[in-house]
């Protein structure tokens, strides 16, 4: 994978891009199969939302921005894919300041203690 950083004029939130060339994967795939793989993998994760394939947000079209994620303990995954060029760009949209290392530490501690992972992790 190739990681592509993004910088913008916003107080909180970030977009993390990863490019995948389908030909570099161990199994042949297409856009729909790759999206289904992500959807199934994260279906039971409370904090991860896999958005529809090639989703365009009406509020920021034609651009994807980190707006709307501020203060949330979640990550939205967007897959933009082309079967013609056999490439997929995965974009993770998250609030890096809201969650932070301390929120992740509490979440991991909850998991280790057998508690619901969301106990005491909500932002105020």
PDB file of N, CA and C in Angstrom:
ATOM      1  N   UNK A   1       0.820  -1.209   0.000  1.00  0.00           N
ATOM      2  CA  UNK A   1       0.000   0.000   0.000  1.00  0.00           C
ATOM      3  C   UNK A   1       0.855   1.259   0.000  1.00  0.00           C
ATOM      4  N   UNK A   2       0.328   2.303  -0.570  1.00  0.00           N
ATOM      5  CA  UNK A   2       0.975   3.607  -0.591  1.00  0.00           C
ATOM      6  C   UNK A   2       0.126   4.539   0.261  1.00  0.00           C
ATOM      7  N   UNK A   3       0.715   5.175   1.283  1.00  0.00           N
ATOM      8  CA  UNK A   3      -0.011   6.079   2.155  1.00  0.00           C
ATOM      9  C   UNK A   3       0.137   7.506   1.652  1.00  0.00           C
ATOM     10  N   UNK A   4      -0.991   8.210   1.530  1.00  0.00           N
ATOM     11  CA  UNK A   4      -0.997   9.568   1.004  1.00  0.00           C
ATOM     12  C   UNK A   4      -1.548  10.499   2.082  1.00  0.00           C
ATOM     13  N   UNK A   5      -0.727  11.425   2.609  1.00  0.00           N
ATOM     14  CA  UNK A   5      -1.218  12.342   3.632  1.00  0.00           C
ATOM     15  C   UNK A   5      -2.060  13.458   3.010  1.00  0.00           C
ATOM     16  N   UNK A   6      -2.898  14.073   3.827  1.00  0.00           N
ATOM     17  CA  UNK A   6      -3.661  15.231   3.363  1.00  0.00           C
ATOM     18  C   UNK A   6      -3.618  16.299   4.437  1.00  0.00           C
ATOM     19  N   UNK A   7      -3.595  17.542   4.003  1.00  0.00           N
ATOM     20  CA  UNK A   7      -3.557  18.679   4.904  1.00  0.00           C
ATOM     21  C   UNK A   7      -4.649  19.643   4.458  1.00  0.00           C
ATOM     22  N   UNK A   8      -5.314  20.259   5.418  1.00  0.00           N
ATOM     23  CA  UNK A   8      -6.370  21.187   5.054  1.00  0.00           C
ATOM     24  C   UNK A   8      -6.617  22.199   6.150  1.00  0.00           C
ATOM     25  N   UNK A   9      -7.517  23.117   5.866  1.00  0.00           N
ATOM     26  CA  UNK A   9      -7.867  24.182   6.808  1.00  0.00           C
ATOM     27  C   UNK A   9      -9.057  23.742   7.652  1.00  0.00           C
ATOM     28  N   UNK A  10      -8.781  22.905   8.658  1.00  0.00           N
ATOM     29  CA  UNK A  10      -9.830  22.463   9.572  1.00  0.00           C
ATOM     30  C   UNK A  10      -9.202  22.243  10.943  1.00  0.00           C
ATOM     31  N   UNK A  11     -10.018  22.464  11.980  1.00  0.00           N
ATOM     32  CA  UNK A  11      -9.515  22.385  13.350  1.00  0.00           C
ATOM     33  C   UNK A  11      -9.286  20.961  13.823  1.00  0.00           C
ATOM     34  N   UNK A  12     -10.197  20.071  13.488  1.00  0.00           N
ATOM     35  CA  UNK A  12     -10.123  18.693  13.949  1.00  0.00           C
ATOM     36  C   UNK A  12     -10.471  17.756  12.816  1.00  0.00           C
ATOM     37  N   UNK A  13     -10.034  16.526  12.981  1.00  0.00           N
ATOM     38  CA  UNK A  13     -10.345  15.508  11.992  1.00  0.00           C
ATOM     39  C   UNK A  13      -9.214  15.340  11.002  1.00  0.00           C
ATOM     40  N   UNK A  14      -9.203  14.176  10.399  1.00  0.00           N
ATOM     41  CA  UNK A  14      -8.183  13.919   9.393  1.00  0.00           C
ATOM     42  C   UNK A  14      -8.677  12.873   8.409  1.00  0.00           C
ATOM     43  N   UNK A  15      -8.057  12.880   7.255  1.00  0.00           N
ATOM     44  CA  UNK A  15      -8.295  11.878   6.228  1.00  0.00           C
ATOM     45  C   UNK A  15      -6.980  11.156   5.994  1.00  0.00           C
ATOM     46  N   UNK A  16      -7.015   9.846   6.059  1.00  0.00           N
ATOM     47  CA  UNK A  16      -5.822   9.034   5.800  1.00  0.00           C
ATOM     48  C   UNK A  16      -6.115   8.195   4.565  1.00  0.00           C
ATOM     49  N   UNK A  17      -5.290   8.347   3.540  1.00  0.00           N
ATOM     50  CA  UNK A  17      -5.499   7.662   2.269  1.00  0.00           C
ATOM     51  C   UNK A  17      -4.516   6.511   2.106  1.00  0.00           C
ATOM     52  N   UNK A  18      -5.000   5.415   1.594  1.00  0.00           N
ATOM     53  CA  UNK A  18      -4.155   4.273   1.254  1.00  0.00           C
ATOM     54  C   UNK A  18      -4.579   3.774  -0.119  1.00  0.00           C
ATOM     55  N   UNK A  19      -3.629   3.649  -1.003  1.00  0.00           N
ATOM     56  CA  UNK A  19      -3.900   3.162  -2.359  1.00  0.00           C
ATOM     57  C   UNK A  19      -3.553   1.680  -2.446  1.00  0.00           C
ATOM     58  N   UNK A  20      -4.418   0.924  -3.103  1.00  0.00           N
ATOM     59  CA  UNK A  20      -4.158  -0.499  -3.305  1.00  0.00           C
ATOM     60  C   UNK A  20      -4.302  -0.821  -4.785  1.00  0.00           C
ATOM     61  N   UNK A  21      -3.276  -1.439  -5.321  1.00  0.00           N
ATOM     62  CA  UNK A  21      -3.321  -1.941  -6.695  1.00  0.00           C
ATOM     63  C   UNK A  21      -3.838  -3.375  -6.615  1.00  0.00           C
ATOM     64  N   UNK A  22      -4.976  -3.640  -7.230  1.00  0.00           N
ATOM     65  CA  UNK A  22      -5.589  -4.975  -7.144  1.00  0.00           C
ATOM     66  C   UNK A  22      -4.632  -6.074  -7.607  1.00  0.00           C
ATOM     67  N   UNK A  23      -3.743  -5.764  -8.533  1.00  0.00           N
ATOM     68  CA  UNK A  23      -2.820  -6.769  -9.063  1.00  0.00           C
ATOM     69  C   UNK A  23      -1.777  -7.180  -8.028  1.00  0.00           C
ATOM     70  N   UNK A  24      -1.617  -6.390  -6.961  1.00  0.00           N
ATOM     71  CA  UNK A  24      -0.627  -6.724  -5.935  1.00  0.00           C
ATOM     72  C   UNK A  24      -1.207  -7.641  -4.854  1.00  0.00           C
ATOM     73  N   UNK A  25      -2.497  -7.904  -4.907  1.00  0.00           N
ATOM     74  CA  UNK A  25      -3.146  -8.755  -3.906  1.00  0.00           C
ATOM     75  C   UNK A  25      -2.939 -10.227  -4.237  1.00  0.00           C
ATOM     76  N   UNK A  26      -3.030 -11.073  -3.223  1.00  0.00           N
ATOM     77  CA  UNK A  26      -2.805 -12.507  -3.421  1.00  0.00           C
ATOM     78  C   UNK A  26      -3.896 -13.161  -4.253  1.00  0.00           C
ATOM     79  N   UNK A  27      -5.131 -12.642  -4.138  1.00  0.00           N
ATOM     80  CA  UNK A  27      -6.234 -13.187  -4.921  1.00  0.00           C
ATOM     81  C   UNK A  27      -6.771 -12.119  -5.854  1.00  0.00           C
ATOM     82  N   UNK A  28      -7.209 -12.537  -7.012  1.00  0.00           N
ATOM     83  CA  UNK A  28      -7.833 -11.606  -7.947  1.00  0.00           C
ATOM     84  C   UNK A  28      -9.097 -11.042  -7.316  1.00  0.00           C
ATOM     85  N   UNK A  29      -9.353  -9.776  -7.537  1.00  0.00           N
ATOM     86  CA  UNK A  29     -10.521  -9.150  -6.939  1.00  0.00           C
ATOM     87  C   UNK A  29     -11.065  -8.053  -7.848  1.00  0.00           C
ATOM     88  N   UNK A  30     -12.231  -7.550  -7.487  1.00  0.00           N
ATOM     89  CA  UNK A  30     -12.793  -6.387  -8.166  1.00  0.00           C
ATOM     90  C   UNK A  30     -13.317  -5.434  -7.096  1.00  0.00           C
ATOM     91  N   UNK A  31     -13.833  -4.309  -7.518  1.00  0.00           N
ATOM     92  CA  UNK A  31     -14.279  -3.274  -6.585  1.00  0.00           C
ATOM     93  C   UNK A  31     -15.345  -3.776  -5.627  1.00  0.00           C
ATOM     94  N   UNK A  32     -16.361  -4.429  -6.149  1.00  0.00           N
ATOM     95  CA  UNK A  32     -17.472  -4.895  -5.318  1.00  0.00           C
ATOM     96  C   UNK A  32     -17.001  -5.917  -4.282  1.00  0.00           C
ATOM     97  N   UNK A  33     -16.121  -6.833  -4.684  1.00  0.00           N
ATOM     98  CA  UNK A  33     -15.624  -7.860  -3.762  1.00  0.00           C
ATOM     99  C   UNK A  33     -14.772  -7.239  -2.658  1.00  0.00           C
ATOM    100  N   UNK A  34     -13.971  -6.261  -3.002  1.00  0.00           N
ATOM    101  CA  UNK A  34     -13.131  -5.601  -2.010  1.00  0.00           C
ATOM    102  C   UNK A  34     -14.000  -4.822  -1.012  1.00  0.00           C
ATOM    103  N   UNK A  35     -15.019  -4.134  -1.511  1.00  0.00           N
ATOM    104  CA  UNK A  35     -15.934  -3.403  -0.637  1.00  0.00           C
ATOM    105  C   UNK A  35     -16.678  -4.380   0.285  1.00  0.00           C
ATOM    106  N   UNK A  36     -17.105  -5.500  -0.252  1.00  0.00           N
ATOM    107  CA  UNK A  36     -17.802  -6.506   0.553  1.00  0.00           C
ATOM    108  C   UNK A  36     -16.884  -7.045   1.646  1.00  0.00           C
ATOM    109  N   UNK A  37     -15.626  -7.271   1.327  1.00  0.00           N
ATOM    110  CA  UNK A  37     -14.654  -7.741   2.313  1.00  0.00           C
ATOM    111  C   UNK A  37     -14.558  -6.772   3.490  1.00  0.00           C
ATOM    112  N   UNK A  38     -14.433  -5.473   3.189  1.00  0.00           N
ATOM    113  CA  UNK A  38     -14.360  -4.466   4.246  1.00  0.00           C
ATOM    114  C   UNK A  38     -15.670  -4.400   5.031  1.00  0.00           C
ATOM    115  N   UNK A  39     -16.787  -4.452   4.336  1.00  0.00           N
ATOM    116  CA  UNK A  39     -18.097  -4.384   4.992  1.00  0.00           C
ATOM    117  C   UNK A  39     -18.294  -5.541   5.954  1.00  0.00           C
ATOM    118  N   UNK A  40     -17.927  -6.740   5.530  1.00  0.00           N
ATOM    119  CA  UNK A  40     -18.068  -7.914   6.396  1.00  0.00           C
ATOM    120  C   UNK A  40     -17.103  -7.853   7.571  1.00  0.00           C
ATOM    121  N   UNK A  41     -15.876  -7.435   7.321  1.00  0.00           N
ATOM    122  CA  UNK A  41     -14.852  -7.383   8.378  1.00  0.00           C
ATOM    123  C   UNK A  41     -15.256  -6.435   9.499  1.00  0.00           C
ATOM    124  N   UNK A  42     -15.837  -5.292   9.154  1.00  0.00           N
ATOM    125  CA  UNK A  42     -16.153  -4.275  10.155  1.00  0.00           C
ATOM    126  C   UNK A  42     -17.637  -4.205  10.506  1.00  0.00           C
ATOM    127  N   UNK A  43     -18.423  -5.168  10.097  1.00  0.00           N
ATOM    128  CA  UNK A  43     -19.873  -5.152  10.332  1.00  0.00           C
ATOM    129  C   UNK A  43     -20.231  -5.093  11.815  1.00  0.00           C
ATOM    130  N   UNK A  44     -19.445  -5.697  12.665  1.00  0.00           N
ATOM    131  CA  UNK A  44     -19.783  -5.761  14.088  1.00  0.00           C
ATOM    132  C   UNK A  44     -18.938  -4.804  14.935  1.00  0.00           C
ATOM    133  N   UNK A  45     -18.257  -3.888  14.303  1.00  0.00           N
ATOM    134  CA  UNK A  45     -17.447  -2.910  15.032  1.00  0.00           C
ATOM    135  C   UNK A  45     -18.288  -1.661  15.290  1.00  0.00           C
ATOM    136  N   UNK A  46     -18.444  -1.309  16.553  1.00  0.00           N
ATOM    137  CA  UNK A  46     -19.294  -0.178  16.927  1.00  0.00           C
ATOM    138  C   UNK A  46     -18.765   1.160  16.420  1.00  0.00           C
ATOM    139  N   UNK A  47     -17.467   1.269  16.237  1.00  0.00           N
ATOM    140  CA  UNK A  47     -16.867   2.558  15.903  1.00  0.00           C
ATOM    141  C   UNK A  47     -16.387   2.689  14.468  1.00  0.00           C
ATOM    142  N   UNK A  48     -16.620   1.680  13.649  1.00  0.00           N
ATOM    143  CA  UNK A  48     -16.145   1.730  12.263  1.00  0.00           C
ATOM    144  C   UNK A  48     -17.334   1.599  11.327  1.00  0.00           C
ATOM    145  N   UNK A  49     -17.460   2.565  10.440  1.00  0.00           N
ATOM    146  CA  UNK A  49     -18.551   2.579   9.467  1.00  0.00           C
ATOM    147  C   UNK A  49     -17.971   2.481   8.063  1.00  0.00           C
ATOM    148  N   UNK A  50     -18.328   1.437   7.339  1.00  0.00           N
ATOM    149  CA  UNK A  50     -17.898   1.320   5.950  1.00  0.00           C
ATOM    150  C   UNK A  50     -18.984   1.974   5.096  1.00  0.00           C
ATOM    151  N   UNK A  51     -18.593   3.021   4.418  1.00  0.00           N
ATOM    152  CA  UNK A  51     -19.541   3.789   3.610  1.00  0.00           C
ATOM    153  C   UNK A  51     -19.778   3.074   2.275  1.00  0.00           C
ATOM    154  N   UNK A  52     -20.866   3.429   1.581  1.00  0.00           N
ATOM    155  CA  UNK A  52     -21.123   2.800   0.277  1.00  0.00           C
ATOM    156  C   UNK A  52     -19.951   3.003  -0.691  1.00  0.00           C
ATOM    157  N   UNK A  53     -19.764   2.045  -1.575  1.00  0.00           N
ATOM    158  CA  UNK A  53     -18.678   2.094  -2.559  1.00  0.00           C
ATOM    159  C   UNK A  53     -18.787   3.355  -3.414  1.00  0.00           C
ATOM    160  N   UNK A  54     -17.666   4.043  -3.585  1.00  0.00           N
ATOM    161  CA  UNK A  54     -17.567   5.263  -4.389  1.00  0.00           C
ATOM    162  C   UNK A  54     -18.540   6.338  -3.922  1.00  0.00           C
ATOM    163  N   UNK A  55     -18.760   6.410  -2.611  1.00  0.00           N
ATOM    164  CA  UNK A  55     -19.698   7.355  -2.006  1.00  0.00           C
ATOM    165  C   UNK A  55     -19.235   8.800  -2.162  1.00  0.00           C
ATOM    166  N   UNK A  56     -20.145   9.660  -2.555  1.00  0.00           N
ATOM    167  CA  UNK A  56     -19.892  11.099  -2.620  1.00  0.00           C
ATOM    168  C   UNK A  56     -20.778  11.754  -1.565  1.00  0.00           C
ATOM    169  N   UNK A  57     -20.171  12.475  -0.619  1.00  0.00           N
ATOM    170  CA  UNK A  57     -20.947  13.154   0.415  1.00  0.00           C
ATOM    171  C   UNK A  57     -21.593  14.404  -0.163  1.00  0.00           C
ATOM    172  N   UNK A  58     -22.901  14.502  -0.005  1.00  0.00           N
ATOM    173  CA  UNK A  58     -23.636  15.643  -0.552  1.00  0.00           C
ATOM    174  C   UNK A  58     -23.199  16.959   0.078  1.00  0.00           C
ATOM    175  N   UNK A  59     -22.818  16.942   1.341  1.00  0.00           N
ATOM    176  CA  UNK A  59     -22.474  18.178   2.034  1.00  0.00           C
ATOM    177  C   UNK A  59     -21.138  18.769   1.605  1.00  0.00           C
ATOM    178  N   UNK A  60     -20.266  17.966   1.022  1.00  0.00           N
ATOM    179  CA  UNK A  60     -18.944  18.471   0.647  1.00  0.00           C
ATOM    180  C   UNK A  60     -18.566  18.164  -0.798  1.00  0.00           C
ATOM    181  N   UNK A  61     -19.496  17.608  -1.584  1.00  0.00           N
ATOM    182  CA  UNK A  61     -19.194  17.220  -2.967  1.00  0.00           C
ATOM    183  C   UNK A  61     -18.653  18.416  -3.735  1.00  0.00           C
ATOM    184  N   UNK A  62     -17.683  18.230  -4.591  1.00  0.00           N
ATOM    185  CA  UNK A  62     -17.093  16.958  -5.000  1.00  0.00           C
ATOM    186  C   UNK A  62     -15.895  16.553  -4.151  1.00  0.00           C
ATOM    187  N   UNK A  63     -15.707  17.191  -2.988  1.00  0.00           N
ATOM    188  CA  UNK A  63     -14.552  16.903  -2.141  1.00  0.00           C
ATOM    189  C   UNK A  63     -14.959  16.090  -0.924  1.00  0.00           C
ATOM    190  N   UNK A  64     -14.072  15.250  -0.445  1.00  0.00           N
ATOM    191  CA  UNK A  64     -14.263  14.559   0.820  1.00  0.00           C
ATOM    192  C   UNK A  64     -13.489  15.351   1.861  1.00  0.00           C
ATOM    193  N   UNK A  65     -14.171  15.764   2.915  1.00  0.00           N
ATOM    194  CA  UNK A  65     -13.529  16.549   3.966  1.00  0.00           C
ATOM    195  C   UNK A  65     -13.705  15.832   5.305  1.00  0.00           C
ATOM    196  N   UNK A  66     -12.913  16.214   6.315  1.00  0.00           N
ATOM    197  CA  UNK A  66     -13.073  15.597   7.634  1.00  0.00           C
ATOM    198  C   UNK A  66     -14.212  16.217   8.444  1.00  0.00           C
ATOM    199  N   UNK A  67     -14.927  17.172   7.884  1.00  0.00           N
ATOM    200  CA  UNK A  67     -16.034  17.798   8.609  1.00  0.00           C
ATOM    201  C   UNK A  67     -17.107  16.768   8.930  1.00  0.00           C
ATOM    202  N   UNK A  68     -17.758  16.950  10.075  1.00  0.00           N
ATOM    203  CA  UNK A  68     -18.824  16.056  10.486  1.00  0.00           C
ATOM    204  C   UNK A  68     -18.364  14.907  11.370  1.00  0.00           C
ATOM    205  N   UNK A  69     -17.075  14.758  11.553  1.00  0.00           N
ATOM    206  CA  UNK A  69     -16.563  13.664  12.387  1.00  0.00           C
ATOM    207  C   UNK A  69     -16.030  14.194  13.721  1.00  0.00           C
ATOM    208  N   UNK A  70     -15.899  15.511  13.838  1.00  0.00           N
ATOM    209  CA  UNK A  70     -15.339  16.122  15.050  1.00  0.00           C
ATOM    210  C   UNK A  70     -16.110  15.707  16.293  1.00  0.00           C
ATOM    211  N   UNK A  71     -15.371  15.300  17.313  1.00  0.00           N
ATOM    212  CA  UNK A  71     -15.957  14.918  18.583  1.00  0.00           C
ATOM    213  C   UNK A  71     -16.542  13.521  18.609  1.00  0.00           C
ATOM    214  N   UNK A  72     -16.378  12.784  17.548  1.00  0.00           N
ATOM    215  CA  UNK A  72     -16.922  11.425  17.501  1.00  0.00           C
ATOM    216  C   UNK A  72     -15.810  10.404  17.708  1.00  0.00           C
ATOM    217  N   UNK A  73     -16.159   9.331  18.355  1.00  0.00           N
ATOM    218  CA  UNK A  73     -15.226   8.238  18.600  1.00  0.00           C
ATOM    219  C   UNK A  73     -15.451   7.177  17.522  1.00  0.00           C
ATOM    220  N   UNK A  74     -15.309   7.580  16.284  1.00  0.00           N
ATOM    221  CA  UNK A  74     -15.579   6.634  15.201  1.00  0.00           C
ATOM    222  C   UNK A  74     -14.662   6.903  14.017  1.00  0.00           C
ATOM    223  N   UNK A  75     -14.686   5.973  13.101  1.00  0.00           N
ATOM    224  CA  UNK A  75     -13.908   6.076  11.871  1.00  0.00           C
ATOM    225  C   UNK A  75     -14.815   5.664  10.719  1.00  0.00           C
ATOM    226  N   UNK A  76     -14.923   6.522   9.730  1.00  0.00           N
ATOM    227  CA  UNK A  76     -15.678   6.203   8.520  1.00  0.00           C
ATOM    228  C   UNK A  76     -14.688   5.776   7.447  1.00  0.00           C
ATOM    229  N   UNK A  77     -14.920   4.621   6.851  1.00  0.00           N
ATOM    230  CA  UNK A  77     -14.049   4.117   5.782  1.00  0.00           C
ATOM    231  C   UNK A  77     -14.748   4.286   4.438  1.00  0.00           C
ATOM    232  N   UNK A  78     -14.081   4.942   3.533  1.00  0.00           N
ATOM    233  CA  UNK A  78     -14.586   5.149   2.181  1.00  0.00           C
ATOM    234  C   UNK A  78     -13.698   4.370   1.222  1.00  0.00           C
ATOM    235  N   UNK A  79     -14.302   3.660   0.276  1.00  0.00           N
ATOM    236  CA  UNK A  79     -13.548   2.972  -0.765  1.00  0.00           C
ATOM    237  C   UNK A  79     -13.941   3.568  -2.103  1.00  0.00           C
ATOM    238  N   UNK A  80     -12.945   4.091  -2.806  1.00  0.00           N
ATOM    239  CA  UNK A  80     -13.135   4.620  -4.152  1.00  0.00           C
ATOM    240  C   UNK A  80     -12.346   3.706  -5.072  1.00  0.00           C
ATOM    241  N   UNK A  81     -13.052   3.060  -5.983  1.00  0.00           N
ATOM    242  CA  UNK A  81     -12.432   1.973  -6.713  1.00  0.00           C
ATOM    243  C   UNK A  81     -12.700   2.051  -8.209  1.00  0.00           C
ATOM    244  N   UNK A  82     -11.756   1.537  -8.978  1.00  0.00           N
ATOM    245  CA  UNK A  82     -11.893   1.459 -10.433  1.00  0.00           C
ATOM    246  C   UNK A  82     -11.515   0.064 -10.904  1.00  0.00           C
ATOM    247  N   UNK A  83     -12.482  -0.644 -11.461  1.00  0.00           N
ATOM    248  CA  UNK A  83     -12.172  -1.955 -12.028  1.00  0.00           C
ATOM    249  C   UNK A  83     -11.347  -1.802 -13.303  1.00  0.00           C
ATOM    250  N   UNK A  84     -11.590  -0.726 -14.032  1.00  0.00           N
ATOM    251  CA  UNK A  84     -10.845  -0.487 -15.278  1.00  0.00           C
ATOM    252  C   UNK A  84      -9.341  -0.382 -14.997  1.00  0.00           C
ATOM    253  N   UNK A  85      -8.976   0.359 -13.963  1.00  0.00           N
ATOM    254  CA  UNK A  85      -7.559   0.558 -13.645  1.00  0.00           C
ATOM    255  C   UNK A  85      -7.072  -0.377 -12.537  1.00  0.00           C
ATOM    256  N   UNK A  86      -7.972  -1.211 -12.003  1.00  0.00           N
ATOM    257  CA  UNK A  86      -7.634  -2.186 -10.966  1.00  0.00           C
ATOM    258  C   UNK A  86      -6.974  -1.544  -9.752  1.00  0.00           C
ATOM    259  N   UNK A  87      -7.585  -0.454  -9.295  1.00  0.00           N
ATOM    260  CA  UNK A  87      -7.050   0.264  -8.144  1.00  0.00           C
ATOM    261  C   UNK A  87      -8.180   0.668  -7.213  1.00  0.00           C
ATOM    262  N   UNK A  88      -7.862   0.725  -5.919  1.00  0.00           N
ATOM    263  CA  UNK A  88      -8.806   1.195  -4.917  1.00  0.00           C
ATOM    264  C   UNK A  88      -8.082   2.145  -3.978  1.00  0.00           C
ATOM    265  N   UNK A  89      -8.730   3.264  -3.700  1.00  0.00           N
ATOM    266  CA  UNK A  89      -8.223   4.187  -2.695  1.00  0.00           C
ATOM    267  C   UNK A  89      -9.127   4.033  -1.473  1.00  0.00           C
ATOM    268  N   UNK A  90      -8.522   3.726  -0.331  1.00  0.00           N
ATOM    269  CA  UNK A  90      -9.250   3.613   0.923  1.00  0.00           C
ATOM    270  C   UNK A  90      -8.971   4.886   1.712  1.00  0.00           C
ATOM    271  N   UNK A  91     -10.035   5.540   2.164  1.00  0.00           N
ATOM    272  CA  UNK A  91      -9.890   6.770   2.938  1.00  0.00           C
ATOM    273  C   UNK A  91     -10.530   6.558   4.306  1.00  0.00           C
ATOM    274  N   UNK A  92      -9.742   6.745   5.341  1.00  0.00           N
ATOM    275  CA  UNK A  92     -10.254   6.692   6.710  1.00  0.00           C
ATOM    276  C   UNK A  92     -10.482   8.126   7.171  1.00  0.00           C
ATOM    277  N   UNK A  93     -11.704   8.408   7.619  1.00  0.00           N
ATOM    278  CA  UNK A  93     -12.081   9.732   8.103  1.00  0.00           C
ATOM    279  C   UNK A  93     -12.295   9.621   9.608  1.00  0.00           C
ATOM    280  N   UNK A  94     -11.469  10.335  10.394  1.00  0.00           N
ATOM    281  CA  UNK A  94     -11.553  10.216  11.840  1.00  0.00           C
ATOM    282  C   UNK A  94     -11.177  11.508  12.527  1.00  0.00           C
ATOM    283  N   UNK A  95     -11.574  11.630  13.776  1.00  0.00           N
ATOM    284  CA  UNK A  95     -11.196  12.780  14.594  1.00  0.00           C
ATOM    285  C   UNK A  95      -9.990  12.374  15.429  1.00  0.00           C
ATOM    286  N   UNK A  96      -8.829  12.728  14.971  1.00  0.00           N
ATOM    287  CA  UNK A  96      -7.595  12.342  15.644  1.00  0.00           C
ATOM    288  C   UNK A  96      -7.411  13.044  16.984  1.00  0.00           C
ATOM    289  N   UNK A  97      -8.035  14.187  17.177  1.00  0.00           N
ATOM    290  CA  UNK A  97      -7.890  14.895  18.451  1.00  0.00           C
ATOM    291  C   UNK A  97      -8.936  14.451  19.468  1.00  0.00           C
ATOM    292  N   UNK A  98     -10.110  14.096  19.008  1.00  0.00           N
ATOM    293  CA  UNK A  98     -11.170  13.669  19.919  1.00  0.00           C
ATOM    294  C   UNK A  98     -10.864  12.342  20.561  1.00  0.00           C
ATOM    295  N   UNK A  99     -10.420  11.398  19.784  1.00  0.00           N
ATOM    296  CA  UNK A  99     -10.122  10.059  20.305  1.00  0.00           C
ATOM    297  C   UNK A  99      -8.781  10.091  21.027  1.00  0.00           C
ATOM    298  N   UNK A 100      -7.749  10.343  20.317  1.00  0.00           N
ATOM    299  CA  UNK A 100      -6.426  10.438  20.908  1.00  0.00           C
ATOM    300  C   UNK A 100      -5.942   9.155  21.558  1.00  0.00           C
ATOM    301  N   UNK A 101      -4.740   9.188  22.043  1.00  0.00           N
ATOM    302  CA  UNK A 101      -4.122   8.018  22.656  1.00  0.00           C
ATOM    303  C   UNK A 101      -4.794   7.640  23.972  1.00  0.00           C
ATOM    304  N   UNK A 102      -5.255   8.628  24.735  1.00  0.00           N
ATOM    305  CA  UNK A 102      -5.876   8.304  26.022  1.00  0.00           C
ATOM    306  C   UNK A 102      -7.201   7.584  25.824  1.00  0.00           C
ATOM    307  N   UNK A 103      -8.002   8.012  24.848  1.00  0.00           N
ATOM    308  CA  UNK A 103      -9.266   7.324  24.550  1.00  0.00           C
ATOM    309  C   UNK A 103      -9.026   5.904  24.076  1.00  0.00           C
ATOM    310  N   UNK A 104      -7.995   5.729  23.264  1.00  0.00           N
ATOM    311  CA  UNK A 104      -7.654   4.391  22.773  1.00  0.00           C
ATOM    312  C   UNK A 104      -7.175   3.508  23.925  1.00  0.00           C
ATOM    313  N   UNK A 105      -6.439   4.092  24.858  1.00  0.00           N
ATOM    314  CA  UNK A 105      -5.950   3.326  26.010  1.00  0.00           C
ATOM    315  C   UNK A 105      -7.121   2.842  26.865  1.00  0.00           C
ATOM    316  N   UNK A 106      -8.111   3.705  27.109  1.00  0.00           N
ATOM    317  CA  UNK A 106      -9.280   3.307  27.897  1.00  0.00           C
ATOM    318  C   UNK A 106     -10.052   2.213  27.160  1.00  0.00           C
ATOM    319  N   UNK A 107     -10.209   2.369  25.874  1.00  0.00           N
ATOM    320  CA  UNK A 107     -10.921   1.365  25.076  1.00  0.00           C
ATOM    321  C   UNK A 107     -10.206   0.014  25.135  1.00  0.00           C
ATOM    322  N   UNK A 108      -8.898   0.011  24.985  1.00  0.00           N
ATOM    323  CA  UNK A 108      -8.124  -1.238  25.062  1.00  0.00           C
ATOM    324  C   UNK A 108      -8.166  -1.850  26.457  1.00  0.00           C
ATOM    325  N   UNK A 109      -8.124  -1.016  27.493  1.00  0.00           N
ATOM    326  CA  UNK A 109      -8.222  -1.516  28.860  1.00  0.00           C
ATOM    327  C   UNK A 109      -9.572  -2.193  29.085  1.00  0.00           C
ATOM    328  N   UNK A 110     -10.642  -1.579  28.576  1.00  0.00           N
ATOM    329  CA  UNK A 110     -11.973  -2.189  28.680  1.00  0.00           C
ATOM    330  C   UNK A 110     -11.993  -3.572  28.041  1.00  0.00           C
ATOM    331  N   UNK A 111     -11.394  -3.702  26.882  1.00  0.00           N
ATOM    332  CA  UNK A 111     -11.353  -4.994  26.179  1.00  0.00           C
ATOM    333  C   UNK A 111     -10.586  -6.019  27.009  1.00  0.00           C
ATOM    334  N   UNK A 112      -9.433  -5.615  27.559  1.00  0.00           N
ATOM    335  CA  UNK A 112      -8.624  -6.539  28.369  1.00  0.00           C
ATOM    336  C   UNK A 112      -9.345  -6.971  29.632  1.00  0.00           C
ATOM    337  N   UNK A 113     -10.201  -6.087  30.171  1.00  0.00           N
ATOM    338  CA  UNK A 113     -10.933  -6.409  31.400  1.00  0.00           C
ATOM    339  C   UNK A 113     -12.251  -7.123  31.126  1.00  0.00           C
ATOM    340  N   UNK A 114     -12.551  -7.351  29.860  1.00  0.00           N
ATOM    341  CA  UNK A 114     -13.788  -8.040  29.508  1.00  0.00           C
ATOM    342  C   UNK A 114     -15.017  -7.159  29.586  1.00  0.00           C
ATOM    343  N   UNK A 115     -14.827  -5.830  29.628  1.00  0.00           N
ATOM    344  CA  UNK A 115     -15.948  -4.901  29.671  1.00  0.00           C
ATOM    345  C   UNK A 115     -16.356  -4.515  28.246  1.00  0.00           C
ATOM    346  N   UNK A 116     -17.520  -3.906  28.125  1.00  0.00           N
ATOM    347  CA  UNK A 116     -17.899  -3.337  26.832  1.00  0.00           C
ATOM    348  C   UNK A 116     -16.831  -2.314  26.444  1.00  0.00           C
ATOM    349  N   UNK A 117     -16.320  -2.412  25.240  1.00  0.00           N
ATOM    350  CA  UNK A 117     -15.193  -1.551  24.861  1.00  0.00           C
ATOM    351  C   UNK A 117     -15.534  -0.065  24.882  1.00  0.00           C
ATOM    352  N   UNK A 118     -16.809   0.299  24.859  1.00  0.00           N
ATOM    353  CA  UNK A 118     -17.203   1.693  24.840  1.00  0.00           C
ATOM    354  C   UNK A 118     -17.406   2.295  26.232  1.00  0.00           C
ATOM    355  N   UNK A 119     -17.244   1.518  27.296  1.00  0.00           N
ATOM    356  CA  UNK A 119     -17.422   2.015  28.655  1.00  0.00           C
ATOM    357  C   UNK A 119     -16.482   3.183  28.918  1.00  0.00           C
ATOM    358  N   UNK A 120     -17.040   4.313  29.294  1.00  0.00           N
ATOM    359  CA  UNK A 120     -16.280   5.518  29.655  1.00  0.00           C
ATOM    360  C   UNK A 120     -15.380   6.028  28.540  1.00  0.00           C
ATOM    361  N   UNK A 121     -15.782   5.846  27.278  1.00  0.00           N
ATOM    362  CA  UNK A 121     -14.968   6.377  26.173  1.00  0.00           C
ATOM    363  C   UNK A 121     -15.680   7.488  25.424  1.00  0.00           C
ATOM    364  N   UNK A 122     -16.941   7.747  25.749  1.00  0.00           N
ATOM    365  CA  UNK A 122     -17.682   8.782  25.044  1.00  0.00           C
ATOM    366  C   UNK A 122     -17.100  10.145  25.337  1.00  0.00           C
ATOM    367  N   UNK A 123     -17.066  10.987  24.319  1.00  0.00           N
ATOM    368  CA  UNK A 123     -16.560  12.342  24.478  1.00  0.00           C
ATOM    369  C   UNK A 123     -17.665  13.227  25.037  1.00  0.00           C
ATOM    370  N   UNK A 124     -17.295  14.186  25.835  1.00  0.00           N
ATOM    371  CA  UNK A 124     -18.310  15.076  26.405  1.00  0.00           C
ATOM    372  C   UNK A 124     -18.434  16.340  25.600  1.00  0.00           C
TER     373      UNK A 124
END
